[in-house]
Amino acid sequence: MYQNELEKCVGIFKGRQKWTIFRSFKSRNENYLLTLQSVFWKMKECEKENRLYIEKKEFSKNWKNICDEAIEDIPHLTEHIRTYMSKLF
């Protein structure tokens, strides 16, 4: 139940980057990762093609900008999650 609400919450966040939450591809546990959608899709592509995911290789010159925007988003995303989830409980 909580995971569906958290996924919805993260999905509607309006930041510099789009974010997502997902279960690790190789995990047998119920652990979830919070990451950028662009990172998720690159990870998924690498998994499908059976190649090692290396951020700097996948995103090349854009990696620093992506990281800067993600870091800028984090406090706003944290507050968004806190506010959204507190309304449910």
Protein backbone atom coordinates (compact mmCIF):
# COMPACT_ATOMS: atom_id res chain seq x y z
CA MET A 1 0.00 0.00 0.00
CA TYR A 2 2.67 2.50 1.01
CA GLN A 3 4.78 1.76 -2.04
CA ASN A 4 1.94 2.64 -4.43
CA GLU A 5 1.34 5.95 -2.70
CA LEU A 6 5.05 6.71 -2.60
CA GLU A 7 5.40 5.88 -6.30
CA LYS A 8 2.48 8.20 -7.09
CA CYS A 9 3.92 10.94 -4.88
CA VAL A 10 7.36 10.78 -6.50
CA GLY A 11 5.81 10.60 -9.96
CA ILE A 12 3.92 13.88 -9.57
CA PHE A 13 6.86 15.82 -8.15
CA LYS A 14 7.76 18.80 -10.36
CA GLY A 15 11.49 19.36 -10.10
CA ARG A 16 14.43 20.03 -12.37
CA GLN A 17 14.57 16.28 -13.02
CA LYS A 18 11.91 13.56 -13.18
CA TRP A 19 12.19 10.99 -10.38
CA THR A 20 11.05 7.41 -9.93
CA ILE A 21 11.04 4.66 -7.35
CA PHE A 22 11.55 0.99 -8.24
CA ARG A 23 12.66 -2.38 -6.94
CA SER A 24 16.22 -3.23 -7.72
CA PHE A 25 16.54 -5.47 -10.78
CA LYS A 26 18.73 -8.00 -8.99
CA SER A 27 17.31 -7.80 -5.49
CA ARG A 28 15.35 -10.65 -3.99
CA ASN A 29 14.32 -8.33 -1.16
CA GLU A 30 11.55 -5.76 -1.01
CA ASN A 31 14.03 -2.88 -1.17
CA TYR A 32 13.28 0.07 -3.42
CA LEU A 33 15.52 2.69 -5.00
CA LEU A 34 14.71 6.35 -5.49
CA THR A 35 16.46 7.72 -8.53
CA LEU A 36 16.12 9.86 -11.61
CA GLN A 37 13.93 8.51 -14.39
CA SER A 38 16.76 8.98 -16.86
CA VAL A 39 19.03 6.87 -14.66
CA PHE A 40 16.35 4.20 -14.27
CA TRP A 41 15.90 3.87 -18.04
CA LYS A 42 19.66 3.67 -18.66
CA MET A 43 19.98 1.04 -15.91
CA LYS A 44 17.13 -0.94 -17.45
CA GLU A 45 18.70 -0.67 -20.91
CA CYS A 46 22.05 -1.90 -19.58
CA GLU A 47 20.36 -4.78 -17.75
CA LYS A 48 18.49 -5.79 -20.92
CA GLU A 49 21.71 -5.66 -22.97
CA ASN A 50 23.67 -7.42 -20.22
CA ARG A 51 26.25 -4.65 -19.92
CA LEU A 52 27.69 -2.84 -16.93
CA TYR A 53 25.96 0.41 -15.98
CA ILE A 54 28.48 3.23 -15.53
CA GLU A 55 26.91 6.68 -15.07
CA LYS A 56 29.65 8.76 -16.67
CA LYS A 57 29.78 6.45 -19.68
CA GLU A 58 26.00 6.40 -20.16
CA PHE A 59 25.46 10.15 -19.74
CA SER A 60 28.89 11.44 -20.83
CA LYS A 61 29.04 15.25 -20.85
CA ASN A 62 25.57 15.67 -19.32
CA TRP A 63 26.39 13.79 -16.10
CA LYS A 64 27.57 16.81 -14.10
CA ASN A 65 24.51 18.85 -15.07
CA ILE A 66 22.20 15.94 -14.24
CA CYS A 67 23.85 15.59 -10.82
CA ASP A 68 23.67 19.33 -10.12
CA GLU A 69 19.97 19.42 -10.94
CA ALA A 70 19.27 16.30 -8.87
CA ILE A 71 21.09 17.77 -5.87
CA GLU A 72 19.06 20.94 -6.24
CA ASP A 73 15.85 18.85 -6.31
CA ILE A 74 16.56 16.78 -3.19
CA PRO A 75 15.37 19.20 -0.47
CA HIS A 76 12.24 20.03 -2.48
CA LEU A 77 11.54 16.36 -3.18
CA THR A 78 12.00 15.56 0.51
CA GLU A 79 9.49 18.22 1.51
CA HIS A 80 7.08 17.11 -1.21
CA ILE A 81 7.19 13.49 0.04
CA ARG A 82 6.83 14.56 3.66
CA THR A 83 3.79 16.75 2.90
CA TYR A 84 2.12 14.25 0.57
CA MET A 85 2.57 11.25 2.84
CA SER A 86 1.53 13.12 6.00
CA LYS A 87 -1.86 13.82 4.40
CA LEU A 88 -2.42 10.08 4.05
CA PHE A 89 -1.63 9.11 7.60
